[in-house]
């Protein structure tokens, strides 16, 4: 006589297979969601952002005749930033406002790899100087670079308020201060 089959053995196996399938599906869905939310959000600028080393800051609302520069705002008022050769950025992998570790807020730009390499070359040659980020020949920000930027990420900080950081992001995207 052959061994008798247990009538409930197969439904138990089916329940285990279904439970494993549900667990695998949940893990796959979780991984997909994590990947989707951790990806950077590309930003294509309507007007290119140009980054220049600043060779001199000249107080005043306009640049003197013969000076290649762009007008910006410093703590002391309007200033002409005399510029040297820079790079042009047409898109970035990510642009956002974040909390700064030193307090306040900061603006973070993650460059595409080719632009990151160009920025590394540019910042190696002029450490300790300000760099002007311009849109339409207007200086949006002119942070000082203390060390070469080698990871393709620019962090504009300086104890900014959230509103000031959001204004910088809007201006980098090509919006004027009034339409921000």
N, C-alpha and C. Protein backbone atom coordinates (compact mmCIF):
# COMPACT_ATOMS: atom_id res chain seq x y z
N UNK A 1 0.83 -1.17 0.00
CA UNK A 1 0.00 0.00 0.00
C UNK A 1 0.88 1.24 0.00
N UNK A 2 0.57 2.12 -0.86
CA UNK A 2 1.31 3.36 -0.93
C UNK A 2 0.89 4.27 0.22
N UNK A 3 1.82 5.25 0.50
CA UNK A 3 1.51 6.18 1.59
C UNK A 3 0.32 7.05 1.22
N UNK A 4 -0.50 7.23 2.15
CA UNK A 4 -1.68 8.05 1.92
C UNK A 4 -1.30 9.54 1.85
N UNK A 5 -1.89 10.20 0.94
CA UNK A 5 -1.63 11.64 0.81
C UNK A 5 -2.43 12.40 1.85
N UNK A 6 -1.77 13.43 2.34
CA UNK A 6 -2.52 14.28 3.26
C UNK A 6 -3.32 15.26 2.43
N UNK A 7 -4.56 15.37 2.72
CA UNK A 7 -5.42 16.22 1.89
C UNK A 7 -5.09 17.71 1.99
N UNK A 8 -4.42 18.15 3.04
CA UNK A 8 -4.17 19.58 3.22
C UNK A 8 -2.76 19.99 2.88
N UNK A 9 -1.92 19.14 2.36
CA UNK A 9 -0.53 19.46 2.06
C UNK A 9 -0.40 20.46 0.91
N UNK A 10 -1.14 20.31 -0.15
CA UNK A 10 -1.04 21.18 -1.31
C UNK A 10 -1.55 22.60 -1.03
N UNK A 11 -2.64 22.82 -0.38
CA UNK A 11 -3.05 24.20 -0.10
C UNK A 11 -2.01 24.94 0.75
N UNK A 12 -1.31 24.27 1.64
CA UNK A 12 -0.26 24.91 2.45
C UNK A 12 0.90 25.36 1.58
N UNK A 13 1.29 24.53 0.62
CA UNK A 13 2.36 24.88 -0.30
C UNK A 13 1.96 26.08 -1.16
N UNK A 14 0.75 26.10 -1.60
CA UNK A 14 0.24 27.22 -2.40
C UNK A 14 0.26 28.50 -1.57
N UNK A 15 -0.12 28.44 -0.32
CA UNK A 15 -0.11 29.62 0.55
C UNK A 15 1.30 30.14 0.74
N UNK A 16 2.29 29.25 0.89
CA UNK A 16 3.69 29.66 1.05
C UNK A 16 4.17 30.33 -0.23
N UNK A 17 3.86 29.77 -1.40
CA UNK A 17 4.27 30.35 -2.67
C UNK A 17 3.65 31.74 -2.84
N UNK A 18 2.39 31.89 -2.54
CA UNK A 18 1.71 33.19 -2.65
C UNK A 18 2.34 34.19 -1.69
N UNK A 19 2.62 33.77 -0.47
CA UNK A 19 3.22 34.67 0.52
C UNK A 19 4.61 35.13 0.05
N UNK A 20 5.40 34.22 -0.51
CA UNK A 20 6.72 34.59 -1.02
C UNK A 20 6.60 35.57 -2.19
N UNK A 21 5.64 35.31 -3.07
CA UNK A 21 5.42 36.20 -4.20
C UNK A 21 5.06 37.61 -3.72
N UNK A 22 4.20 37.73 -2.70
CA UNK A 22 3.79 39.03 -2.16
C UNK A 22 5.01 39.75 -1.55
N UNK A 23 5.85 39.02 -0.83
CA UNK A 23 7.05 39.61 -0.23
C UNK A 23 8.00 40.11 -1.31
N UNK A 24 8.22 39.32 -2.34
CA UNK A 24 9.11 39.72 -3.44
C UNK A 24 8.56 40.94 -4.15
N UNK A 25 7.26 40.96 -4.40
CA UNK A 25 6.63 42.11 -5.06
C UNK A 25 6.76 43.36 -4.19
N UNK A 26 6.60 43.23 -2.88
CA UNK A 26 6.72 44.38 -1.98
C UNK A 26 8.15 44.91 -1.98
N UNK A 27 9.13 44.02 -1.99
CA UNK A 27 10.54 44.44 -2.02
C UNK A 27 10.85 45.15 -3.33
N UNK A 28 10.36 44.60 -4.44
CA UNK A 28 10.60 45.22 -5.75
C UNK A 28 9.95 46.61 -5.82
N UNK A 29 8.73 46.74 -5.32
CA UNK A 29 8.03 48.02 -5.34
C UNK A 29 8.76 49.04 -4.46
N UNK A 30 9.20 48.61 -3.29
CA UNK A 30 9.93 49.51 -2.40
C UNK A 30 11.22 49.98 -3.07
N UNK A 31 11.96 49.08 -3.70
CA UNK A 31 13.19 49.45 -4.39
C UNK A 31 12.93 50.44 -5.51
N UNK A 32 11.86 50.23 -6.26
CA UNK A 32 11.50 51.13 -7.35
C UNK A 32 11.17 52.52 -6.81
N UNK A 33 10.41 52.59 -5.73
CA UNK A 33 10.06 53.88 -5.15
C UNK A 33 11.29 54.60 -4.61
N UNK A 34 12.17 53.87 -3.95
CA UNK A 34 13.39 54.48 -3.42
C UNK A 34 14.24 55.02 -4.57
N UNK A 35 14.38 54.25 -5.63
CA UNK A 35 15.18 54.70 -6.79
C UNK A 35 14.55 55.94 -7.43
N UNK A 36 13.22 55.95 -7.54
CA UNK A 36 12.54 57.08 -8.19
C UNK A 36 12.71 58.36 -7.38
N UNK A 37 12.61 58.28 -6.07
CA UNK A 37 12.70 59.48 -5.25
C UNK A 37 14.13 59.92 -4.98
N UNK A 38 15.09 59.03 -5.16
CA UNK A 38 16.47 59.42 -4.91
C UNK A 38 17.15 59.96 -6.16
N UNK A 39 16.52 59.84 -7.31
CA UNK A 39 17.12 60.36 -8.54
C UNK A 39 17.12 61.88 -8.51
N UNK A 40 18.10 62.44 -9.16
CA UNK A 40 18.17 63.88 -9.25
C UNK A 40 17.17 64.36 -10.30
N UNK A 41 16.83 65.63 -10.21
CA UNK A 41 15.84 66.21 -11.10
C UNK A 41 16.53 67.19 -12.03
N UNK A 42 16.74 66.79 -13.29
CA UNK A 42 17.45 67.68 -14.22
C UNK A 42 16.73 69.02 -14.40
N UNK A 43 17.52 70.07 -14.53
CA UNK A 43 17.00 71.41 -14.77
C UNK A 43 17.68 71.94 -16.02
N UNK A 44 16.90 72.30 -17.02
CA UNK A 44 17.41 72.93 -18.24
C UNK A 44 17.16 74.42 -18.08
N UNK A 45 18.22 75.21 -18.10
CA UNK A 45 18.09 76.65 -17.91
C UNK A 45 17.53 77.30 -19.17
N UNK A 46 16.58 78.21 -19.01
CA UNK A 46 16.04 78.94 -20.16
C UNK A 46 17.10 79.89 -20.72
N UNK A 47 17.93 80.41 -19.84
CA UNK A 47 19.07 81.23 -20.22
C UNK A 47 20.29 80.62 -19.54
N UNK A 48 21.37 80.36 -20.28
CA UNK A 48 22.52 79.70 -19.65
C UNK A 48 23.07 80.48 -18.45
N UNK A 49 23.57 79.72 -17.49
CA UNK A 49 24.25 80.29 -16.32
C UNK A 49 25.74 80.29 -16.67
N UNK A 50 26.38 81.42 -16.47
CA UNK A 50 27.81 81.52 -16.74
C UNK A 50 28.53 81.71 -15.41
N UNK A 51 29.64 80.99 -15.26
CA UNK A 51 30.42 81.06 -14.03
C UNK A 51 31.81 81.60 -14.38
N UNK A 52 32.16 82.70 -13.72
CA UNK A 52 33.43 83.37 -14.00
C UNK A 52 34.21 83.59 -12.71
N UNK A 53 35.54 83.44 -12.76
CA UNK A 53 36.35 83.93 -11.64
C UNK A 53 36.29 85.46 -11.64
N UNK A 54 36.24 86.05 -10.47
CA UNK A 54 36.20 87.50 -10.33
C UNK A 54 37.63 87.98 -10.05
N UNK A 55 38.12 88.91 -10.87
CA UNK A 55 39.47 89.42 -10.65
C UNK A 55 39.48 90.68 -9.79
N UNK A 56 38.34 91.42 -9.79
CA UNK A 56 38.27 92.65 -9.00
C UNK A 56 36.81 93.01 -8.79
N UNK A 57 36.52 93.65 -7.64
CA UNK A 57 35.19 94.18 -7.35
C UNK A 57 35.30 95.70 -7.30
N UNK A 58 34.53 96.36 -8.17
CA UNK A 58 34.59 97.82 -8.27
C UNK A 58 33.24 98.39 -7.82
N UNK A 59 33.21 99.13 -6.72
CA UNK A 59 31.92 99.68 -6.24
C UNK A 59 31.28 100.57 -7.30
N UNK A 60 29.95 100.49 -7.39
CA UNK A 60 29.21 101.36 -8.30
C UNK A 60 28.15 100.60 -9.07
N UNK A 61 27.18 101.34 -9.59
CA UNK A 61 26.04 100.72 -10.29
C UNK A 61 26.34 100.32 -11.74
N UNK A 62 27.54 100.65 -12.25
CA UNK A 62 27.91 100.24 -13.60
C UNK A 62 29.41 100.02 -13.67
N UNK A 63 29.81 99.22 -14.65
CA UNK A 63 31.23 98.94 -14.83
C UNK A 63 31.88 100.11 -15.56
N UNK A 64 33.10 100.48 -15.16
CA UNK A 64 33.81 101.55 -15.88
C UNK A 64 34.06 101.14 -17.33
N UNK A 65 34.23 102.13 -18.18
CA UNK A 65 34.50 101.88 -19.59
C UNK A 65 35.73 101.00 -19.73
N UNK A 66 35.63 100.01 -20.60
CA UNK A 66 36.75 99.12 -20.87
C UNK A 66 36.89 97.94 -19.91
N UNK A 67 36.03 97.86 -18.91
CA UNK A 67 36.10 96.76 -17.95
C UNK A 67 35.09 95.69 -18.34
N UNK A 68 35.58 94.45 -18.56
CA UNK A 68 34.68 93.35 -18.84
C UNK A 68 34.14 92.87 -17.50
N UNK A 69 32.84 93.07 -17.30
CA UNK A 69 32.29 92.70 -16.01
C UNK A 69 30.79 92.58 -16.04
N UNK A 70 30.23 92.36 -14.86
CA UNK A 70 28.79 92.24 -14.69
C UNK A 70 28.41 92.91 -13.37
N UNK A 71 27.24 93.49 -13.35
CA UNK A 71 26.76 94.20 -12.17
C UNK A 71 26.07 93.22 -11.22
N UNK A 72 26.34 93.41 -9.94
CA UNK A 72 25.71 92.61 -8.90
C UNK A 72 25.51 93.43 -7.66
N UNK A 73 25.02 92.78 -6.63
CA UNK A 73 24.75 93.44 -5.37
C UNK A 73 25.63 92.82 -4.29
N UNK A 74 26.37 93.65 -3.58
CA UNK A 74 27.17 93.16 -2.45
C UNK A 74 26.54 93.71 -1.18
N UNK A 75 27.12 93.36 -0.04
CA UNK A 75 26.61 93.87 1.23
C UNK A 75 26.73 95.39 1.28
N UNK A 76 27.71 95.96 0.57
CA UNK A 76 27.93 97.41 0.58
C UNK A 76 27.13 98.14 -0.50
N UNK A 77 26.42 97.42 -1.36
CA UNK A 77 25.64 98.05 -2.42
C UNK A 77 26.01 97.51 -3.78
N UNK A 78 25.63 98.24 -4.85
CA UNK A 78 25.92 97.75 -6.20
C UNK A 78 27.42 97.69 -6.45
N UNK A 79 27.82 96.68 -7.24
CA UNK A 79 29.23 96.49 -7.51
C UNK A 79 29.40 95.93 -8.92
N UNK A 80 30.50 96.31 -9.56
CA UNK A 80 30.88 95.75 -10.85
C UNK A 80 31.90 94.65 -10.55
N UNK A 81 31.58 93.44 -10.94
CA UNK A 81 32.51 92.33 -10.79
C UNK A 81 33.30 92.21 -12.08
N UNK A 82 34.61 92.48 -12.02
CA UNK A 82 35.45 92.33 -13.20
C UNK A 82 35.70 90.83 -13.37
N UNK A 83 35.42 90.32 -14.57
CA UNK A 83 35.41 88.88 -14.81
C UNK A 83 36.55 88.45 -15.72
N UNK A 84 37.00 87.21 -15.53
CA UNK A 84 37.96 86.59 -16.44
C UNK A 84 37.22 85.47 -17.19
N UNK A 85 37.93 84.65 -17.92
CA UNK A 85 37.31 83.59 -18.72
C UNK A 85 36.61 82.57 -17.83
N UNK A 86 35.38 82.22 -18.19
CA UNK A 86 34.60 81.29 -17.39
C UNK A 86 34.02 80.15 -18.20
N UNK A 87 32.98 79.54 -17.66
CA UNK A 87 32.30 78.43 -18.33
C UNK A 87 30.80 78.72 -18.40
N UNK A 88 30.13 78.04 -19.32
CA UNK A 88 28.70 78.19 -19.52
C UNK A 88 28.01 76.89 -19.14
N UNK A 89 26.96 77.01 -18.34
CA UNK A 89 26.18 75.86 -17.88
C UNK A 89 24.77 75.98 -18.47
N UNK A 90 24.36 74.97 -19.23
CA UNK A 90 23.03 75.00 -19.84
C UNK A 90 22.02 74.14 -19.09
N UNK A 91 22.52 73.15 -18.35
CA UNK A 91 21.62 72.34 -17.53
C UNK A 91 22.41 71.75 -16.37
N UNK A 92 21.69 71.40 -15.33
CA UNK A 92 22.29 70.76 -14.16
C UNK A 92 21.47 69.52 -13.82
N UNK A 93 22.09 68.60 -13.11
CA UNK A 93 21.35 67.40 -12.69
C UNK A 93 20.34 67.72 -11.60
N UNK A 94 20.66 68.72 -10.78
CA UNK A 94 19.76 69.05 -9.67
C UNK A 94 20.03 70.48 -9.22
N UNK A 95 18.98 71.17 -8.81
CA UNK A 95 19.07 72.52 -8.28
C UNK A 95 18.00 72.64 -7.21
N UNK A 96 18.41 72.89 -5.97
CA UNK A 96 17.43 73.00 -4.89
C UNK A 96 17.97 73.79 -3.72
N UNK A 97 17.05 74.18 -2.83
CA UNK A 97 17.38 74.85 -1.58
C UNK A 97 17.45 73.78 -0.51
N UNK A 98 18.45 73.89 0.36
CA UNK A 98 18.57 72.92 1.46
C UNK A 98 19.00 73.65 2.73
N UNK A 99 18.80 73.00 3.87
CA UNK A 99 19.27 73.54 5.14
C UNK A 99 20.78 73.47 5.16
N UNK A 100 21.43 74.55 5.56
CA UNK A 100 22.89 74.58 5.66
C UNK A 100 23.31 74.04 7.02
N UNK A 101 24.44 73.37 7.06
CA UNK A 101 24.93 72.82 8.33
C UNK A 101 25.30 73.92 9.31
N UNK A 102 25.68 75.09 8.79
CA UNK A 102 26.08 76.20 9.66
C UNK A 102 24.90 77.07 10.09
N UNK A 103 23.69 76.69 9.69
CA UNK A 103 22.51 77.49 9.98
C UNK A 103 22.02 78.18 8.73
N UNK A 104 20.78 78.53 8.69
CA UNK A 104 20.22 79.16 7.50
C UNK A 104 20.03 78.16 6.38
N UNK A 105 20.04 78.67 5.16
CA UNK A 105 19.79 77.85 3.98
C UNK A 105 20.91 78.01 2.98
N UNK A 106 20.98 77.08 2.04
CA UNK A 106 21.98 77.10 0.99
C UNK A 106 21.33 76.67 -0.32
N UNK A 107 21.95 77.03 -1.43
CA UNK A 107 21.50 76.61 -2.75
C UNK A 107 22.49 75.58 -3.26
N UNK A 108 21.97 74.43 -3.68
CA UNK A 108 22.81 73.33 -4.16
C UNK A 108 22.59 73.12 -5.65
N UNK A 109 23.69 73.08 -6.41
CA UNK A 109 23.64 72.77 -7.84
C UNK A 109 24.53 71.55 -8.07
N UNK A 110 23.98 70.51 -8.69
CA UNK A 110 24.78 69.34 -9.07
C UNK A 110 24.95 69.38 -10.58
N UNK A 111 26.19 69.55 -11.01
CA UNK A 111 26.48 69.70 -12.42
C UNK A 111 26.54 68.37 -13.15
N UNK A 112 26.31 68.40 -14.46
CA UNK A 112 26.51 67.21 -15.27
C UNK A 112 28.02 66.94 -15.29
N UNK A 113 28.45 65.70 -15.50
CA UNK A 113 29.88 65.37 -15.39
C UNK A 113 30.83 66.25 -16.21
N UNK A 114 30.51 66.53 -17.45
CA UNK A 114 31.42 67.35 -18.28
C UNK A 114 31.58 68.75 -17.69
N UNK A 115 30.50 69.36 -17.24
CA UNK A 115 30.58 70.69 -16.64
C UNK A 115 31.30 70.64 -15.29
N UNK A 116 31.12 69.54 -14.56
CA UNK A 116 31.83 69.37 -13.29
C UNK A 116 33.33 69.35 -13.49
N UNK A 117 33.79 68.68 -14.55
CA UNK A 117 35.23 68.64 -14.85
C UNK A 117 35.74 70.03 -15.24
N UNK A 118 34.94 70.75 -16.04
CA UNK A 118 35.34 72.10 -16.43
C UNK A 118 35.41 73.02 -15.21
N UNK A 119 34.48 72.87 -14.28
CA UNK A 119 34.49 73.68 -13.06
C UNK A 119 35.70 73.33 -12.19
N UNK A 120 36.07 72.07 -12.14
CA UNK A 120 37.25 71.67 -11.38
C UNK A 120 38.49 72.39 -11.93
N UNK A 121 38.64 72.37 -13.26
CA UNK A 121 39.79 73.06 -13.88
C UNK A 121 39.75 74.56 -13.57
N UNK A 122 38.58 75.14 -13.66
CA UNK A 122 38.43 76.58 -13.43
C UNK A 122 38.73 76.95 -11.98
N UNK A 123 38.23 76.19 -11.03
CA UNK A 123 38.41 76.55 -9.62
C UNK A 123 39.80 76.19 -9.09
N UNK A 124 40.50 75.30 -9.75
CA UNK A 124 41.89 75.00 -9.33
C UNK A 124 42.80 76.19 -9.57
N UNK A 125 42.47 76.98 -10.58
CA UNK A 125 43.37 78.08 -10.96
C UNK A 125 43.13 79.36 -10.16
N UNK A 126 42.07 79.43 -9.39
CA UNK A 126 41.78 80.69 -8.70
C UNK A 126 41.13 80.46 -7.34
N UNK A 127 41.72 79.61 -6.53
CA UNK A 127 41.21 79.34 -5.18
C UNK A 127 41.32 80.61 -4.34
N UNK A 128 40.31 80.84 -3.52
CA UNK A 128 40.32 81.99 -2.62
C UNK A 128 39.66 83.22 -3.20
N UNK A 129 39.27 83.15 -4.46
CA UNK A 129 38.63 84.28 -5.12
C UNK A 129 37.13 84.05 -5.21
N UNK A 130 36.37 85.13 -5.36
CA UNK A 130 34.94 84.94 -5.62
C UNK A 130 34.73 84.49 -7.07
N UNK A 131 33.64 83.80 -7.27
CA UNK A 131 33.21 83.37 -8.59
C UNK A 131 31.81 83.92 -8.81
N UNK A 132 31.60 84.58 -9.93
CA UNK A 132 30.30 85.16 -10.23
C UNK A 132 29.47 84.16 -11.02
N UNK A 133 28.27 83.88 -10.54
CA UNK A 133 27.29 83.10 -11.29
C UNK A 133 26.35 84.12 -11.91
N UNK A 134 26.33 84.17 -13.24
CA UNK A 134 25.57 85.21 -13.92
C UNK A 134 24.48 84.62 -14.82
N UNK A 135 23.41 85.38 -14.95
CA UNK A 135 22.34 85.08 -15.90
C UNK A 135 22.03 86.41 -16.59
N UNK A 136 22.06 86.40 -17.90
CA UNK A 136 21.81 87.62 -18.69
C UNK A 136 22.74 88.77 -18.26
N UNK A 137 23.99 88.45 -18.04
CA UNK A 137 25.02 89.42 -17.64
C UNK A 137 24.72 90.11 -16.31
N UNK A 138 23.88 89.52 -15.49
CA UNK A 138 23.61 90.01 -14.14
C UNK A 138 24.13 88.99 -13.14
N UNK A 139 24.85 89.44 -12.13
CA UNK A 139 25.38 88.53 -11.12
C UNK A 139 24.25 88.09 -10.19
N UNK A 140 24.04 86.78 -10.14
CA UNK A 140 23.03 86.20 -9.25
C UNK A 140 23.64 85.96 -7.87
N UNK A 141 24.87 85.46 -7.84
CA UNK A 141 25.60 85.22 -6.60
C UNK A 141 27.09 85.26 -6.91
N UNK A 142 27.87 85.65 -5.92
CA UNK A 142 29.32 85.70 -6.10
C UNK A 142 30.01 85.13 -4.87
N UNK A 143 29.84 83.82 -4.64
CA UNK A 143 30.47 83.22 -3.46
C UNK A 143 31.97 83.06 -3.65
N UNK A 144 32.69 83.08 -2.54
CA UNK A 144 34.14 82.84 -2.57
C UNK A 144 34.38 81.34 -2.56
N UNK A 145 35.29 80.89 -3.39
CA UNK A 145 35.62 79.47 -3.46
C UNK A 145 36.91 79.25 -2.67
N UNK A 146 36.80 78.48 -1.58
CA UNK A 146 37.94 78.26 -0.69
C UNK A 146 38.82 77.10 -1.11
N UNK A 147 38.30 76.20 -1.93
CA UNK A 147 39.05 75.03 -2.39
C UNK A 147 38.50 74.63 -3.75
N UNK A 148 39.28 73.94 -4.57
CA UNK A 148 38.76 73.51 -5.88
C UNK A 148 37.48 72.68 -5.71
N UNK A 149 36.54 72.90 -6.59
CA UNK A 149 35.28 72.14 -6.58
C UNK A 149 35.52 70.91 -7.44
N UNK A 150 35.67 69.75 -6.80
CA UNK A 150 36.07 68.54 -7.52
C UNK A 150 34.96 67.52 -7.68
N UNK A 151 33.86 67.69 -7.01
CA UNK A 151 32.78 66.69 -7.07
C UNK A 151 31.61 67.13 -7.95
N UNK A 152 31.74 68.27 -8.63
CA UNK A 152 30.67 68.72 -9.52
C UNK A 152 29.46 69.26 -8.80
N UNK A 153 29.63 69.65 -7.53
CA UNK A 153 28.51 70.18 -6.76
C UNK A 153 28.90 71.54 -6.21
N UNK A 154 28.07 72.53 -6.52
CA UNK A 154 28.26 73.89 -6.01
C UNK A 154 27.27 74.08 -4.87
N UNK A 155 27.75 74.60 -3.76
CA UNK A 155 26.89 74.91 -2.62
C UNK A 155 27.08 76.39 -2.30
N UNK A 156 26.03 77.18 -2.56
CA UNK A 156 26.07 78.61 -2.28
C UNK A 156 25.47 78.80 -0.89
N UNK A 157 26.32 79.18 0.05
CA UNK A 157 25.85 79.35 1.42
C UNK A 157 26.25 80.72 1.93
N UNK A 158 26.05 80.93 3.20
CA UNK A 158 26.37 82.23 3.80
C UNK A 158 25.25 82.67 4.70
N UNK A 159 24.65 81.72 5.38
CA UNK A 159 23.55 81.99 6.30
C UNK A 159 22.39 82.69 5.59
N UNK A 160 22.01 82.17 4.44
CA UNK A 160 20.91 82.72 3.66
C UNK A 160 19.57 82.42 4.32
N UNK A 161 18.61 83.31 4.15
CA UNK A 161 17.24 83.00 4.56
C UNK A 161 16.64 82.09 3.49
N UNK A 162 15.53 81.45 3.80
CA UNK A 162 14.86 80.60 2.80
C UNK A 162 14.45 81.45 1.60
N UNK A 163 13.92 82.65 1.85
CA UNK A 163 13.50 83.53 0.75
C UNK A 163 14.68 83.92 -0.15
N UNK A 164 15.82 84.25 0.47
CA UNK A 164 17.01 84.63 -0.32
C UNK A 164 17.49 83.45 -1.16
N UNK A 165 17.49 82.25 -0.58
CA UNK A 165 17.91 81.05 -1.31
C UNK A 165 16.94 80.76 -2.46
N UNK A 166 15.64 80.88 -2.21
CA UNK A 166 14.65 80.66 -3.27
C UNK A 166 14.79 81.70 -4.38
N UNK A 167 15.14 82.94 -4.04
CA UNK A 167 15.35 83.98 -5.04
C UNK A 167 16.54 83.62 -5.93
N UNK A 168 17.61 83.11 -5.33
CA UNK A 168 18.78 82.71 -6.12
C UNK A 168 18.40 81.59 -7.08
N UNK A 169 17.64 80.60 -6.61
CA UNK A 169 17.20 79.50 -7.48
C UNK A 169 16.36 80.05 -8.63
N UNK A 170 15.42 80.93 -8.33
CA UNK A 170 14.57 81.50 -9.38
C UNK A 170 15.39 82.28 -10.40
N UNK A 171 16.34 83.06 -9.94
CA UNK A 171 17.17 83.85 -10.84
C UNK A 171 18.06 82.95 -11.69
N UNK A 172 18.59 81.87 -11.11
CA UNK A 172 19.39 80.93 -11.90
C UNK A 172 18.55 80.27 -12.98
N UNK A 173 17.29 80.06 -12.70
CA UNK A 173 16.38 79.47 -13.68
C UNK A 173 15.95 80.47 -14.73
N UNK A 174 16.43 81.72 -14.62
CA UNK A 174 16.13 82.73 -15.63
C UNK A 174 14.93 83.59 -15.33
N UNK A 175 14.40 83.46 -14.13
CA UNK A 175 13.26 84.31 -13.75
C UNK A 175 13.80 85.56 -13.07
N UNK A 176 13.12 86.68 -13.27
CA UNK A 176 13.55 87.91 -12.61
C UNK A 176 13.07 87.89 -11.16
N UNK A 177 13.60 88.76 -10.36
CA UNK A 177 13.22 88.82 -8.94
C UNK A 177 11.72 89.09 -8.79
N UNK A 178 11.14 89.90 -9.71
CA UNK A 178 9.72 90.23 -9.60
C UNK A 178 8.84 89.02 -9.94
N UNK A 179 9.28 88.15 -10.85
CA UNK A 179 8.44 87.03 -11.25
C UNK A 179 8.72 85.77 -10.43
N UNK A 180 9.64 85.86 -9.50
CA UNK A 180 9.99 84.71 -8.67
C UNK A 180 8.95 84.44 -7.70
